[in-house]
Each structure stands twice: as structure tokens, then as C-alpha cells.
Amino acid sequence: MSPSDRRSANLVDLLTLAPDGEGRFRSPTISCGSARAFGGQVVAQALVAALSTVADRPAHSLHGHFLRAGDGGGEMLFEVEMLREGRSFSTRQVTALQDGRKLFIAIVSAQSEEEGLVHQYPMPQVPSPDGLRSERDLRAEALATPGVAWAGPIAFDAPIELRPVTPRDFVNPSKSAPVQHFWVRPTVSISRNPIMAQAVLAYISDMMLLSTGLLPHGIYWSTTAMDSASLDHTIWFHGQPNFDDWTLWSLETPWTGGSRALARGTFYDRTGRMIGSVAQEGLLRLR
């Protein structure tokens, strides 16, 4: 099994929780190569915990707050509280804990599938993923630059392949509009299980948001010392993800200030169908 296959197998394992009593679930102790737990991992696991207590209703929204950072290789406990079980909607509150400390709290709402009015913004017109270079290769090339000291997320090694439409210059970043697009997909196939598919989308939804807020300032973690962290996170699910093909992750950051950044993102499948929207405020504090 190649390193990429191991990372992807670990992603599925990472998002598969073990029951630990009524409304309680434990995560596996799998390290993803970082001392600090990746926020997308915690969001995705919280979603899995919530949906594990719901019968045949996909999530339509998750609203969460990060309270503190977690250990990237430590076990987490997810406690689920039933807030509402209606004819069409199920609402759960999920608390993620590690060593007795609350890391993340979220409200997850699921809805029975039904028909209604349909419209959406069109998918941005961008080049197809075919022929684009991967984020991992671009970063590996930048890391080979002599005399450059790297820090923070530049050591990127996620179980997701990303292909940027407009690659950034990690060595000499220049100012640009706070918009970027990535084609994304897991590095091996993902189960058609609807909970797992939504969980993978949630995992990806914490990638590249804050980096979009650095574009108009012409800096990056590779050039400028800063602290960054996700503060709150919201996902709206518009359709069931299908990771048999590439998904477009379209990002923008309309505002930065007060050492924070507001980022928004939209997921589209290869056919142009909008399958999810994301909003996040995060910390971007210059040291």
C-alpha cells in the first residue's frame, strides 16, 4: 500500500466512530501527522456522531464553535444530546471532549428528503482538474527551495488531493484578490454510505479557508510568522456528495480585521450541481 493509500484508508478509519454507551461515541487514536487536531477532522467526527443517532435523514446544516485545540493523535469523546425529533427534522447537540476538556460544540440538523423550489448560483467557470498540478507537489517543490524556513500548514500532508486552479507562490507571494478555487477528491474511493460522504465533505470544508484571507496581503505562513485557528464553522448541505469524481471547492474571503478573517466556500460537483456551502471565521494573528 502506498503512502497515499495509507492516508486515505486512515481518513475512513478516522471518521468511523465506536459506540460508547447511549449518545456517546469514541474516535480512533489515529495521528494525521500534526500535533494539533485538524479542525475538519473534529467537525466531520461530530457530524458522524450526530447522524449516528438519526434514522435515515441526511444532515442539512451544522453550526459549530471551536473552544480549544485538541491533540492530533489523542482519542476524543463525542456526546450527543437529542434536542428535537420532529416529523421532518431531527436536531442534535454534539460536544467533543478530550481528556475531559471541551474542544468543540455543534448543533446538527437533519431533514427527511422532500421536493421543493430549486435554483442555485452557477458554478464558476474554471479549468477542469485534468492537467492541473497537485497542491502536495507544489508544496514539495517549494520546500526544496534553498534557504527558505517553513512553518505551520506548509507541511501539508492531508488524505485529500487538491489541485489549485491558480497555484500560489509560497516563496515570494504577491497580492491578489481573496478568491481561489481547488478541485478536490479523496486519494482513494470513499464508501457510498451517505453519512461517510457527508463526513468527508465536512472534513474538506476546513481546508484552505483561512489561506484565502492571506491573498490580498501578499503573505503566507511560509513567509510571515502568525497564529491561525478556526473559531466557528457552519456547513449547509444542499445535495449528497459523490466522490467518484472531482469536486470544485470555490473560496472567497470578503473581510479581514481584528486579527480575524471571514471566509466562505461553496462545493460543486463536476456537473455544476451545488452540493454545499460553508462559512467560517478564523484567527489570523500576526506575531
Protein backbone atom coordinates (compact mmCIF):
# COMPACT_ATOMS: atom_id res chain seq x y z
CA MET A 1 0.00 0.00 0.00
CA SER A 2 1.39 3.40 -0.99
CA PRO A 3 1.67 6.32 1.47
CA SER A 4 -1.29 7.99 -0.26
CA ASP A 5 -3.39 4.83 0.15
CA ARG A 6 -2.49 4.67 3.85
CA ARG A 7 -3.51 8.30 4.35
CA SER A 8 -6.86 7.72 2.64
CA ALA A 9 -7.55 4.49 4.49
CA ASN A 10 -6.82 6.37 7.69
CA LEU A 11 -9.34 9.05 6.69
CA VAL A 12 -12.14 6.48 6.53
CA ASP A 13 -10.94 4.89 9.75
CA LEU A 14 -10.67 8.32 11.37
CA LEU A 15 -14.30 9.11 10.60
CA THR A 16 -15.61 5.76 11.83
CA LEU A 17 -16.57 6.16 15.48
CA ALA A 18 -17.07 3.46 18.12
CA PRO A 19 -20.25 3.50 20.25
CA ASP A 20 -19.55 4.04 23.95
CA GLY A 21 -22.95 3.96 25.60
CA GLU A 22 -26.17 5.81 24.74
CA GLY A 23 -25.43 9.00 22.82
CA ARG A 24 -21.66 8.60 23.26
CA PHE A 25 -19.02 7.79 20.64
CA ARG A 26 -15.25 7.50 20.71
CA SER A 27 -12.85 8.35 17.93
CA PRO A 28 -9.94 6.10 16.94
CA THR A 29 -6.47 7.18 18.04
CA ILE A 30 -5.02 7.92 14.62
CA SER A 31 -2.40 10.60 14.05
CA CYS A 32 -2.67 12.59 10.83
CA GLY A 33 0.87 13.93 11.15
CA SER A 34 0.09 17.05 13.16
CA ALA A 35 0.48 17.75 16.88
CA ARG A 36 -2.78 19.72 16.80
CA ALA A 37 -6.02 18.07 15.74
CA PHE A 38 -7.22 19.29 12.35
CA GLY A 39 -10.46 21.23 12.73
CA GLY A 40 -12.07 19.49 9.77
CA GLN A 41 -11.48 16.16 11.48
CA VAL A 42 -13.35 17.29 14.60
CA VAL A 43 -16.22 18.75 12.57
CA ALA A 44 -16.55 15.57 10.50
CA GLN A 45 -16.45 13.29 13.53
CA ALA A 46 -19.05 15.41 15.32
CA LEU A 47 -21.29 15.12 12.26
CA VAL A 48 -20.90 11.33 12.22
CA ALA A 49 -21.75 11.16 15.92
CA ALA A 50 -24.91 13.23 15.44
CA LEU A 51 -26.11 11.32 12.38
CA SER A 52 -25.47 8.01 14.12
CA THR A 53 -28.44 8.85 16.35
CA VAL A 54 -30.75 9.82 13.45
CA ALA A 55 -32.69 7.36 11.30
CA ASP A 56 -32.48 7.85 7.53
CA ARG A 57 -32.18 11.63 7.48
CA PRO A 58 -29.14 13.35 5.95
CA ALA A 59 -27.75 16.47 7.58
CA HIS A 60 -28.77 19.78 6.09
CA SER A 61 -26.73 22.02 8.43
CA LEU A 62 -24.04 22.06 11.09
CA HIS A 63 -23.22 25.13 13.20
CA GLY A 64 -20.18 24.76 15.43
CA HIS A 65 -17.74 26.64 17.66
CA PHE A 66 -14.15 25.62 18.36
CA LEU A 67 -13.37 26.13 22.05
CA ARG A 68 -9.76 24.94 22.21
CA ALA A 69 -7.23 22.95 20.23
CA GLY A 70 -7.01 19.18 20.56
CA ASP A 71 -4.19 16.64 20.44
CA GLY A 72 -3.86 15.36 16.88
CA GLY A 73 -3.22 11.77 17.96
CA GLY A 74 -5.42 11.58 21.05
CA GLU A 75 -8.77 9.87 21.43
CA MET A 76 -11.87 12.08 21.52
CA LEU A 77 -15.26 11.51 23.11
CA PHE A 78 -18.40 12.79 21.37
CA GLU A 79 -21.52 13.25 23.46
CA VAL A 80 -24.81 13.67 21.57
CA GLU A 81 -27.92 15.24 23.07
CA MET A 82 -31.28 14.95 21.31
CA LEU A 83 -32.84 18.42 21.10
CA ARG A 84 -35.71 17.66 18.74
CA GLU A 85 -37.20 14.72 16.85
CA GLY A 86 -39.94 16.02 14.56
CA ARG A 87 -41.83 14.69 11.57
CA SER A 88 -39.33 16.21 9.12
CA PHE A 89 -36.35 17.46 11.16
CA SER A 90 -34.03 15.95 13.77
CA THR A 91 -31.79 18.26 15.82
CA ARG A 92 -28.81 17.19 17.87
CA GLN A 93 -26.20 18.93 20.00
CA VAL A 94 -22.74 17.39 19.90
CA THR A 95 -19.87 18.10 22.31
CA ALA A 96 -16.36 16.88 21.51
CA LEU A 97 -14.14 16.27 24.53
CA GLN A 98 -10.55 15.19 25.04
CA ASP A 99 -9.13 14.41 28.47
CA GLY A 100 -12.25 15.97 29.96
CA ARG A 101 -11.79 19.26 28.10
CA LYS A 102 -14.44 20.56 25.72
CA LEU A 103 -12.91 21.11 22.29
CA PHE A 104 -15.90 21.73 20.02
CA ILE A 105 -19.64 22.11 20.31
CA ALA A 106 -22.10 21.92 17.41
CA ILE A 107 -25.78 21.87 16.55
CA VAL A 108 -26.55 19.44 13.73
CA SER A 109 -29.90 19.40 11.95
CA ALA A 110 -31.07 16.59 9.66
CA GLN A 111 -34.09 16.61 7.37
CA SER A 112 -36.11 13.96 5.59
CA GLU A 113 -35.75 14.31 1.84
CA GLU A 114 -38.58 16.20 0.16
CA GLU A 115 -39.33 18.16 -3.00
CA GLY A 116 -39.43 21.96 -3.25
CA LEU A 117 -38.40 25.02 -5.23
CA VAL A 118 -34.99 24.65 -6.87
CA HIS A 119 -32.43 27.22 -8.03
CA GLN A 120 -28.73 27.87 -7.47
CA TYR A 121 -25.90 30.17 -8.48
CA PRO A 122 -23.98 28.69 -11.41
CA MET A 123 -20.62 27.05 -10.83
CA PRO A 124 -17.64 29.34 -11.56
CA GLN A 125 -16.11 28.86 -14.97
CA VAL A 126 -12.69 27.39 -14.21
CA PRO A 127 -10.35 24.96 -15.98
CA SER A 128 -11.00 21.27 -15.42
CA PRO A 129 -8.78 19.38 -12.97
CA ASP A 130 -7.19 17.41 -15.79
CA GLY A 131 -3.62 18.58 -16.25
CA LEU A 132 -3.52 20.76 -13.11
CA ARG A 133 -0.70 20.13 -10.63
CA SER A 134 -1.50 18.89 -7.14
CA GLU A 135 -1.12 21.05 -4.04
CA ARG A 136 1.14 18.42 -2.49
CA ASP A 137 3.57 18.51 -5.46
CA LEU A 138 3.61 22.31 -5.50
CA ARG A 139 4.42 22.45 -1.80
CA ALA A 140 7.10 19.77 -2.09
CA GLU A 141 8.73 21.82 -4.83
CA ALA A 142 8.59 24.97 -2.69
CA LEU A 143 10.04 23.10 0.30
CA ALA A 144 13.08 22.25 -1.82
CA THR A 145 13.92 25.94 -2.24
CA PRO A 146 17.32 26.57 -0.55
CA GLY A 147 17.42 28.93 2.39
CA VAL A 148 13.67 29.08 2.98
CA ALA A 149 12.34 28.44 6.50
CA TRP A 150 8.84 26.98 6.60
CA ALA A 151 6.25 26.92 9.34
CA GLY A 152 2.66 25.96 10.05
CA PRO A 153 0.40 24.46 7.36
CA ILE A 154 3.16 24.41 4.75
CA ALA A 155 3.89 20.84 5.94
CA PHE A 156 0.54 19.88 4.37
CA ASP A 157 0.01 16.14 4.03
CA ALA A 158 -3.76 15.59 4.04
CA PRO A 159 -5.57 12.45 2.78
CA ILE A 160 -7.26 14.65 0.16
CA GLU A 161 -5.81 15.55 -3.22
CA LEU A 162 -6.22 19.23 -4.06
CA ARG A 163 -5.47 20.76 -7.43
CA PRO A 164 -5.42 24.57 -7.31
CA VAL A 165 -6.77 26.36 -10.37
CA THR A 166 -4.30 29.22 -9.72
CA PRO A 167 -1.27 27.95 -7.75
CA ARG A 168 0.21 30.29 -5.16
CA ASP A 169 3.87 31.26 -4.90
CA PHE A 170 4.90 30.01 -1.47
CA VAL A 171 8.37 31.56 -1.69
CA ASN A 172 7.51 35.06 -2.94
CA PRO A 173 3.73 35.51 -2.58
CA SER A 174 2.21 38.54 -4.27
CA LYS A 175 -1.03 40.34 -3.51
CA SER A 176 -4.12 39.08 -5.30
CA ALA A 177 -7.89 39.03 -4.96
CA PRO A 178 -9.16 36.95 -1.99
CA VAL A 179 -10.62 34.24 -4.22
CA GLN A 180 -9.31 30.79 -5.04
CA HIS A 181 -10.61 27.52 -6.45
CA PHE A 182 -9.49 23.94 -5.85
CA TRP A 183 -10.56 20.67 -7.37
CA VAL A 184 -10.66 18.14 -4.53
CA ARG A 185 -11.14 14.42 -4.03
CA PRO A 186 -10.05 11.74 -1.56
CA THR A 187 -6.97 9.86 -2.74
CA VAL A 188 -8.84 6.52 -2.81
CA SER A 189 -12.53 5.76 -3.28
CA ILE A 190 -14.98 6.56 -0.50
CA SER A 191 -17.91 4.39 0.50
CA ARG A 192 -21.32 5.31 -0.92
CA ASN A 193 -22.55 5.38 2.69
CA PRO A 194 -24.36 8.76 2.86
CA ILE A 195 -23.09 9.56 6.37
CA MET A 196 -19.46 8.93 5.32
CA ALA A 197 -19.87 11.03 2.17
CA GLN A 198 -21.20 13.99 4.15
CA ALA A 199 -18.44 13.48 6.73
CA VAL A 200 -15.73 13.64 4.05
CA LEU A 201 -17.25 16.86 2.70
CA ALA A 202 -17.19 18.24 6.27
CA TYR A 203 -13.54 17.21 6.61
CA ILE A 204 -12.59 19.06 3.42
CA SER A 205 -14.65 22.10 4.41
CA ASP A 206 -11.96 23.30 6.85
CA MET A 207 -9.24 23.30 4.19
CA MET A 208 -7.89 26.47 2.56
CA LEU A 209 -10.46 28.85 4.05
CA LEU A 210 -8.06 30.98 6.08
CA SER A 211 -5.35 30.89 3.42
CA THR A 212 -7.76 32.74 1.13
CA GLY A 213 -7.70 35.65 3.58
CA LEU A 214 -3.92 35.99 3.15
CA LEU A 215 -4.06 36.53 -0.62
CA PRO A 216 -4.79 40.32 -0.65
CA HIS A 217 -1.94 40.86 1.84
CA GLY A 218 0.74 39.06 -0.15
CA ILE A 219 1.84 36.84 2.74
CA TYR A 220 1.73 33.19 3.67
CA TRP A 221 2.73 31.01 6.62
CA SER A 222 5.95 30.28 4.73
CA THR A 223 6.94 33.97 4.78
CA THR A 224 5.26 35.53 7.82
CA ALA A 225 5.03 34.40 11.44
CA MET A 226 1.40 34.22 12.51
CA ASP A 227 -1.03 32.22 14.60
CA SER A 228 -4.14 30.84 12.97
CA ALA A 229 -7.11 28.78 14.12
CA SER A 230 -10.71 28.11 13.16
CA LEU A 231 -13.09 29.89 15.56
CA ASP A 232 -16.53 28.89 14.30
CA HIS A 233 -17.74 26.83 11.38
CA THR A 234 -21.02 26.36 9.52
CA ILE A 235 -21.89 23.93 6.74
CA TRP A 236 -25.11 23.75 4.77
CA PHE A 237 -25.59 20.54 2.77
CA HIS A 238 -27.53 21.07 -0.45
CA GLY A 239 -27.09 17.66 -2.05
CA GLN A 240 -25.46 14.30 -1.48
CA PRO A 241 -21.72 14.35 -2.28
CA ASN A 242 -20.34 11.81 -4.76
CA PHE A 243 -16.58 11.40 -4.56
CA ASP A 244 -16.32 9.12 -7.58
CA ASP A 245 -15.26 12.28 -9.42
CA TRP A 246 -13.66 15.64 -8.64
CA THR A 247 -15.50 18.29 -6.59
CA LEU A 248 -14.87 22.02 -7.01
CA TRP A 249 -14.12 23.91 -3.78
CA SER A 250 -14.65 27.62 -4.53
CA LEU A 251 -13.47 30.07 -1.84
CA GLU A 252 -13.60 33.78 -1.02
CA THR A 253 -12.71 35.97 1.96
CA PRO A 254 -14.74 39.22 1.88
CA TRP A 255 -13.26 40.66 5.11
CA THR A 256 -10.28 40.54 7.45
CA GLY A 257 -9.83 42.67 10.59
CA GLY A 258 -9.27 42.46 14.33
CA SER A 259 -6.88 39.51 13.78
CA ARG A 260 -9.81 37.58 12.28
CA ALA A 261 -10.91 36.58 8.79
CA LEU A 262 -14.36 35.76 7.45
CA ALA A 263 -14.21 33.07 4.79
CA ARG A 264 -16.90 31.49 2.64
CA GLY A 265 -16.83 28.48 0.37
CA THR A 266 -19.08 26.57 -2.00
CA PHE A 267 -18.84 22.97 -3.21
CA TYR A 268 -19.94 21.96 -6.71
CA ASP A 269 -19.84 18.52 -8.27
CA ARG A 270 -18.35 18.02 -11.74
CA THR A 271 -21.77 18.55 -13.37
CA GLY A 272 -22.12 22.02 -11.79
CA ARG A 273 -24.60 20.99 -9.09
CA MET A 274 -24.13 22.95 -5.85
CA ILE A 275 -23.75 20.42 -3.03
CA GLY A 276 -22.66 22.51 -0.04
CA SER A 277 -21.94 25.97 1.36
CA VAL A 278 -19.54 26.88 4.18
CA ALA A 279 -18.85 29.95 6.30
CA GLN A 280 -16.10 30.31 8.88
CA GLU A 281 -14.50 33.00 11.00
CA GLY A 282 -10.91 32.25 11.94
CA LEU A 283 -7.97 33.73 13.80
CA LEU A 284 -5.18 35.31 11.73
CA ARG A 285 -2.89 36.97 14.27
CA LEU A 286 0.48 38.32 13.23
CA ARG A 287 3.19 37.57 15.76
